[in-house]
Structures are given as structure tokens and as C-alpha cells.
């Protein structure tokens, strides 16, 4: 494999990881809080939610 092929594969892998990190699926009966750099921004309601990857996070607080 050439260096260009490896670069393209690495770039595609990074794009896939970014797209996966953007979408958050909130289960029915739960709400997720979205934090941007540790500060509350908004609440995600059940369904598909979109966040800014690597800057915002929506930790799931599932019961133990």
C-alpha cells in the first residue's frame, strides 16, 4: 500500500468516528444533559440528539 492509501484510510476512519460521536440516541423514559466543557448547555429528550463531537458530551445516567 502506498502512503497516500494509508492516509485516505486513516482520514475515512476519523470521519466515521466523528459522525458516530455526533449522534446520541436517548432511550424512552430518560433525558440526557448536554455539557460543553463541563457546563450545562441543554437537555436531550428521548429520540435522536445531535451534539458537537469532542466539545460537548451527553453522559448517560442509567440506573445501576
PDB file of N, CA and C in Angstrom:
ATOM      1  N   UNK A   1       0.850  -1.188   0.000  1.00  0.00           N
ATOM      2  CA  UNK A   1       0.000   0.000   0.000  1.00  0.00           C
ATOM      3  C   UNK A   1       0.887   1.240   0.000  1.00  0.00           C
ATOM      4  N   UNK A   2       0.435   2.226  -0.725  1.00  0.00           N
ATOM      5  CA  UNK A   2       1.197   3.466  -0.771  1.00  0.00           C
ATOM      6  C   UNK A   2       0.846   4.333   0.437  1.00  0.00           C
ATOM      7  N   UNK A   3       1.649   5.334   0.670  1.00  0.00           N
ATOM      8  CA  UNK A   3       1.434   6.249   1.794  1.00  0.00           C
ATOM      9  C   UNK A   3       0.116   7.002   1.617  1.00  0.00           C
ATOM     10  N   UNK A   4      -0.236   7.316   0.380  1.00  0.00           N
ATOM     11  CA  UNK A   4      -1.489   8.027   0.123  1.00  0.00           C
ATOM     12  C   UNK A   4      -2.697   7.165   0.483  1.00  0.00           C
ATOM     13  N   UNK A   5      -2.652   5.883   0.187  1.00  0.00           N
ATOM     14  CA  UNK A   5      -3.755   4.979   0.529  1.00  0.00           C
ATOM     15  C   UNK A   5      -3.930   4.867   2.036  1.00  0.00           C
ATOM     16  N   UNK A   6      -2.834   4.797   2.755  1.00  0.00           N
ATOM     17  CA  UNK A   6      -2.911   4.735   4.212  1.00  0.00           C
ATOM     18  C   UNK A   6      -3.494   6.026   4.769  1.00  0.00           C
ATOM     19  N   UNK A   7      -3.089   7.154   4.209  1.00  0.00           N
ATOM     20  CA  UNK A   7      -3.616   8.446   4.639  1.00  0.00           C
ATOM     21  C   UNK A   7      -5.118   8.540   4.390  1.00  0.00           C
ATOM     22  N   UNK A   8      -5.573   8.094   3.245  1.00  0.00           N
ATOM     23  CA  UNK A   8      -7.005   8.137   2.925  1.00  0.00           C
ATOM     24  C   UNK A   8      -7.792   7.227   3.863  1.00  0.00           C
ATOM     25  N   UNK A   9      -7.299   6.043   4.145  1.00  0.00           N
ATOM     26  CA  UNK A   9      -7.978   5.138   5.071  1.00  0.00           C
ATOM     27  C   UNK A   9      -8.037   5.721   6.482  1.00  0.00           C
ATOM     28  N   UNK A  10      -6.970   6.338   6.928  1.00  0.00           N
ATOM     29  CA  UNK A  10      -6.958   6.966   8.256  1.00  0.00           C
ATOM     30  C   UNK A  10      -7.944   8.131   8.303  1.00  0.00           C
ATOM     31  N   UNK A  11      -8.001   8.917   7.247  1.00  0.00           N
ATOM     32  CA  UNK A  11      -8.936  10.042   7.169  1.00  0.00           C
ATOM     33  C   UNK A  11     -10.382   9.561   7.170  1.00  0.00           C
ATOM     34  N   UNK A  12     -10.684   8.517   6.434  1.00  0.00           N
ATOM     35  CA  UNK A  12     -12.029   7.956   6.430  1.00  0.00           C
ATOM     36  C   UNK A  12     -12.401   7.399   7.800  1.00  0.00           C
ATOM     37  N   UNK A  13     -11.459   6.766   8.466  1.00  0.00           N
ATOM     38  CA  UNK A  13     -11.706   6.265   9.817  1.00  0.00           C
ATOM     39  C   UNK A  13     -12.018   7.398  10.782  1.00  0.00           C
ATOM     40  N   UNK A  14     -11.293   8.495  10.690  1.00  0.00           N
ATOM     41  CA  UNK A  14     -11.543   9.658  11.536  1.00  0.00           C
ATOM     42  C   UNK A  14     -12.918  10.258  11.261  1.00  0.00           C
ATOM     43  N   UNK A  15     -13.315  10.296  10.008  1.00  0.00           N
ATOM     44  CA  UNK A  15     -14.639  10.824   9.648  1.00  0.00           C
ATOM     45  C   UNK A  15     -15.739   9.941  10.222  1.00  0.00           C
ATOM     46  N   UNK A  16     -15.579   8.624  10.140  1.00  0.00           N
ATOM     47  CA  UNK A  16     -16.580   7.695  10.681  1.00  0.00           C
ATOM     48  C   UNK A  16     -16.704   7.852  12.190  1.00  0.00           C
ATOM     49  N   UNK A  17     -15.581   7.957  12.883  1.00  0.00           N
ATOM     50  CA  UNK A  17     -15.611   8.139  14.344  1.00  0.00           C
ATOM     51  C   UNK A  17     -16.298   9.447  14.710  1.00  0.00           C
ATOM     52  N   UNK A  18     -16.051  10.507  13.967  1.00  0.00           N
ATOM     53  CA  UNK A  18     -16.676  11.805  14.233  1.00  0.00           C
ATOM     54  C   UNK A  18     -18.184  11.750  14.020  1.00  0.00           C
ATOM     55  N   UNK A  19     -18.635  11.105  12.967  1.00  0.00           N
ATOM     56  CA  UNK A  19     -20.076  11.000  12.708  1.00  0.00           C
ATOM     57  C   UNK A  19     -20.757  10.178  13.798  1.00  0.00           C
ATOM     58  N   UNK A  20     -20.130   9.105  14.235  1.00  0.00           N
ATOM     59  CA  UNK A  20     -20.707   8.281  15.294  1.00  0.00           C
ATOM     60  C   UNK A  20     -20.767   9.063  16.604  1.00  0.00           C
ATOM     61  N   UNK A  21     -19.758   9.874  16.888  1.00  0.00           N
ATOM     62  CA  UNK A  21     -19.725  10.656  18.124  1.00  0.00           C
ATOM     63  C   UNK A  21     -20.738  11.803  18.096  1.00  0.00           C
ATOM     64  N   UNK A  22     -21.221  12.190  16.929  1.00  0.00           N
ATOM     65  CA  UNK A  22     -22.168  13.299  16.807  1.00  0.00           C
ATOM     66  C   UNK A  22     -23.577  12.891  17.204  1.00  0.00           C
ATOM     67  N   UNK A  23     -23.988  11.691  16.899  1.00  0.00           N
ATOM     68  CA  UNK A  23     -25.369  11.250  17.145  1.00  0.00           C
ATOM     69  C   UNK A  23     -25.471  10.539  18.487  1.00  0.00           C
ATOM     70  N   UNK A  24     -26.456  10.929  19.282  1.00  0.00           N
ATOM     71  CA  UNK A  24     -26.748  10.272  20.557  1.00  0.00           C
ATOM     72  C   UNK A  24     -28.206   9.846  20.538  1.00  0.00           C
ATOM     73  N   UNK A  25     -28.459   8.587  20.845  1.00  0.00           N
ATOM     74  CA  UNK A  25     -29.819   8.074  20.917  1.00  0.00           C
ATOM     75  C   UNK A  25     -30.204   8.000  22.391  1.00  0.00           C
ATOM     76  N   UNK A  26     -31.246   8.754  22.762  1.00  0.00           N
ATOM     77  CA  UNK A  26     -31.714   8.786  24.146  1.00  0.00           C
ATOM     78  C   UNK A  26     -32.896   7.835  24.257  1.00  0.00           C
ATOM     79  N   UNK A  27     -32.812   6.829  25.146  1.00  0.00           N
ATOM     80  CA  UNK A  27     -33.915   5.879  25.281  1.00  0.00           C
ATOM     81  C   UNK A  27     -35.159   6.528  25.883  1.00  0.00           C
ATOM     82  N   UNK A  28     -36.297   5.918  25.598  1.00  0.00           N
ATOM     83  CA  UNK A  28     -37.559   6.418  26.121  1.00  0.00           C
ATOM     84  C   UNK A  28     -37.528   6.370  27.647  1.00  0.00           C
ATOM     85  N   UNK A  29     -38.009   7.426  28.266  1.00  0.00           N
ATOM     86  CA  UNK A  29     -38.049   7.499  29.716  1.00  0.00           C
ATOM     87  C   UNK A  29     -36.818   8.131  30.333  1.00  0.00           C
ATOM     88  N   UNK A  30     -35.877   8.583  29.512  1.00  0.00           N
ATOM     89  CA  UNK A  30     -34.653   9.205  30.011  1.00  0.00           C
ATOM     90  C   UNK A  30     -34.464  10.565  29.356  1.00  0.00           C
ATOM     91  N   UNK A  31     -33.725  11.423  30.022  1.00  0.00           N
ATOM     92  CA  UNK A  31     -33.259  12.686  29.483  1.00  0.00           C
ATOM     93  C   UNK A  31     -31.764  12.756  29.742  1.00  0.00           C
ATOM     94  N   UNK A  32     -30.995  13.235  28.772  1.00  0.00           N
ATOM     95  CA  UNK A  32     -29.561  13.400  28.953  1.00  0.00           C
ATOM     96  C   UNK A  32     -29.252  14.888  29.031  1.00  0.00           C
ATOM     97  N   UNK A  33     -28.367  15.252  29.924  1.00  0.00           N
ATOM     98  CA  UNK A  33     -27.911  16.639  29.986  1.00  0.00           C
ATOM     99  C   UNK A  33     -26.681  16.769  29.099  1.00  0.00           C
ATOM    100  N   UNK A  34     -26.647  17.825  28.307  1.00  0.00           N
ATOM    101  CA  UNK A  34     -25.515  18.078  27.426  1.00  0.00           C
ATOM    102  C   UNK A  34     -24.614  19.090  28.111  1.00  0.00           C
ATOM    103  N   UNK A  35     -23.346  18.742  28.216  1.00  0.00           N
ATOM    104  CA  UNK A  35     -22.367  19.618  28.838  1.00  0.00           C
ATOM    105  C   UNK A  35     -21.338  20.036  27.799  1.00  0.00           C
ATOM    106  N   UNK A  36     -21.048  21.319  27.797  1.00  0.00           N
ATOM    107  CA  UNK A  36     -19.990  21.833  26.928  1.00  0.00           C
ATOM    108  C   UNK A  36     -18.861  22.282  27.829  1.00  0.00           C
ATOM    109  N   UNK A  37     -17.756  21.562  27.781  1.00  0.00           N
ATOM    110  CA  UNK A  37     -16.592  21.829  28.622  1.00  0.00           C
ATOM    111  C   UNK A  37     -16.964  21.837  30.100  1.00  0.00           C
ATOM    112  N   UNK A  38     -17.858  20.924  30.491  1.00  0.00           N
ATOM    113  CA  UNK A  38     -18.247  20.755  31.878  1.00  0.00           C
ATOM    114  C   UNK A  38     -19.390  21.620  32.361  1.00  0.00           C
ATOM    115  N   UNK A  39     -19.930  22.477  31.510  1.00  0.00           N
ATOM    116  CA  UNK A  39     -21.018  23.369  31.903  1.00  0.00           C
ATOM    117  C   UNK A  39     -22.299  22.967  31.176  1.00  0.00           C
ATOM    118  N   UNK A  40     -23.435  22.997  31.894  1.00  0.00           N
ATOM    119  CA  UNK A  40     -24.726  22.614  31.318  1.00  0.00           C
ATOM    120  C   UNK A  40     -25.063  23.512  30.131  1.00  0.00           C
ATOM    121  N   UNK A  41     -25.528  22.886  29.037  1.00  0.00           N
ATOM    122  CA  UNK A  41     -25.937  23.633  27.845  1.00  0.00           C
ATOM    123  C   UNK A  41     -27.417  23.428  27.564  1.00  0.00           C
ATOM    124  N   UNK A  42     -27.854  22.158  27.499  1.00  0.00           N
ATOM    125  CA  UNK A  42     -29.258  21.851  27.194  1.00  0.00           C
ATOM    126  C   UNK A  42     -29.553  20.416  27.605  1.00  0.00           C
ATOM    127  N   UNK A  43     -30.797  20.016  27.438  1.00  0.00           N
ATOM    128  CA  UNK A  43     -31.231  18.663  27.751  1.00  0.00           C
ATOM    129  C   UNK A  43     -31.662  17.974  26.473  1.00  0.00           C
ATOM    130  N   UNK A  44     -31.193  16.746  26.280  1.00  0.00           N
ATOM    131  CA  UNK A  44     -31.653  15.942  25.154  1.00  0.00           C
ATOM    132  C   UNK A  44     -32.829  15.095  25.621  1.00  0.00           C
ATOM    133  N   UNK A  45     -33.914  15.151  24.885  1.00  0.00           N
ATOM    134  CA  UNK A  45     -35.114  14.381  25.194  1.00  0.00           C
ATOM    135  C   UNK A  45     -35.078  13.073  24.404  1.00  0.00           C
ATOM    136  N   UNK A  46     -35.948  12.102  24.729  1.00  0.00           N
ATOM    137  CA  UNK A  46     -35.909  10.805  24.048  1.00  0.00           C
ATOM    138  C   UNK A  46     -35.953  10.932  22.524  1.00  0.00           C
ATOM    139  N   UNK A  47     -35.137  10.133  21.889  1.00  0.00           N
ATOM    140  CA  UNK A  47     -35.035  10.154  20.432  1.00  0.00           C
ATOM    141  C   UNK A  47     -33.595  10.407  20.023  1.00  0.00           C
ATOM    142  N   UNK A  48     -33.424  10.874  18.805  1.00  0.00           N
ATOM    143  CA  UNK A  48     -32.100  11.141  18.259  1.00  0.00           C
ATOM    144  C   UNK A  48     -31.686  12.560  18.597  1.00  0.00           C
ATOM    145  N   UNK A  49     -30.524  12.709  19.180  1.00  0.00           N
ATOM    146  CA  UNK A  49     -29.989  14.025  19.508  1.00  0.00           C
ATOM    147  C   UNK A  49     -28.650  14.218  18.835  1.00  0.00           C
ATOM    148  N   UNK A  50     -28.363  15.456  18.468  1.00  0.00           N
ATOM    149  CA  UNK A  50     -27.114  15.784  17.804  1.00  0.00           C
ATOM    150  C   UNK A  50     -26.298  16.678  18.728  1.00  0.00           C
ATOM    151  N   UNK A  51     -25.024  16.329  18.921  1.00  0.00           N
ATOM    152  CA  UNK A  51     -24.134  17.142  19.730  1.00  0.00           C
ATOM    153  C   UNK A  51     -22.879  17.468  18.921  1.00  0.00           C
ATOM    154  N   UNK A  52     -22.110  18.440  19.382  1.00  0.00           N
ATOM    155  CA  UNK A  52     -20.847  18.794  18.745  1.00  0.00           C
ATOM    156  C   UNK A  52     -19.791  17.818  19.284  1.00  0.00           C
ATOM    157  N   UNK A  53     -19.236  16.973  18.432  1.00  0.00           N
ATOM    158  CA  UNK A  53     -18.309  15.961  18.941  1.00  0.00           C
ATOM    159  C   UNK A  53     -17.025  16.576  19.490  1.00  0.00           C
ATOM    160  N   UNK A  54     -16.473  15.941  20.510  1.00  0.00           N
ATOM    161  CA  UNK A  54     -15.210  16.290  21.147  1.00  0.00           C
ATOM    162  C   UNK A  54     -15.272  17.574  21.971  1.00  0.00           C
ATOM    163  N   UNK A  55     -16.367  18.351  21.904  1.00  0.00           N
ATOM    164  CA  UNK A  55     -16.517  19.562  22.709  1.00  0.00           C
ATOM    165  C   UNK A  55     -17.651  19.384  23.692  1.00  0.00           C
ATOM    166  N   UNK A  56     -18.780  18.870  23.209  1.00  0.00           N
ATOM    167  CA  UNK A  56     -19.926  18.612  24.079  1.00  0.00           C
ATOM    168  C   UNK A  56     -19.958  17.133  24.421  1.00  0.00           C
ATOM    169  N   UNK A  57     -20.558  16.827  25.570  1.00  0.00           N
ATOM    170  CA  UNK A  57     -20.764  15.419  25.915  1.00  0.00           C
ATOM    171  C   UNK A  57     -22.126  15.282  26.559  1.00  0.00           C
ATOM    172  N   UNK A  58     -22.716  14.122  26.358  1.00  0.00           N
ATOM    173  CA  UNK A  58     -24.021  13.815  26.921  1.00  0.00           C
ATOM    174  C   UNK A  58     -23.886  12.502  27.688  1.00  0.00           C
ATOM    175  N   UNK A  59     -23.399  12.571  28.929  1.00  0.00           N
ATOM    176  CA  UNK A  59     -23.210  11.330  29.682  1.00  0.00           C
ATOM    177  C   UNK A  59     -24.552  10.684  29.992  1.00  0.00           C
ATOM    178  N   UNK A  60     -24.628   9.397  29.824  1.00  0.00           N
ATOM    179  CA  UNK A  60     -25.869   8.688  30.129  1.00  0.00           C
ATOM    180  C   UNK A  60     -25.880   8.344  31.608  1.00  0.00           C
ATOM    181  N   UNK A  61     -26.921   8.720  32.287  1.00  0.00           N
ATOM    182  CA  UNK A  61     -27.064   8.446  33.711  1.00  0.00           C
ATOM    183  C   UNK A  61     -28.078   7.322  33.893  1.00  0.00           C
ATOM    184  N   UNK A  62     -27.694   6.116  33.493  1.00  0.00           N
ATOM    185  CA  UNK A  62     -28.585   4.973  33.591  1.00  0.00           C
ATOM    186  C   UNK A  62     -28.555   4.438  35.017  1.00  0.00           C
ATOM    187  N   UNK A  63     -29.686   3.990  35.507  1.00  0.00           N
ATOM    188  CA  UNK A  63     -29.706   3.461  36.874  1.00  0.00           C
ATOM    189  C   UNK A  63     -28.873   2.185  36.977  1.00  0.00           C
ATOM    190  N   UNK A  64     -28.258   1.998  38.119  1.00  0.00           N
ATOM    191  CA  UNK A  64     -27.412   0.823  38.323  1.00  0.00           C
ATOM    192  C   UNK A  64     -28.218  -0.368  38.774  1.00  0.00           C
TER     193      UNK A  64
END
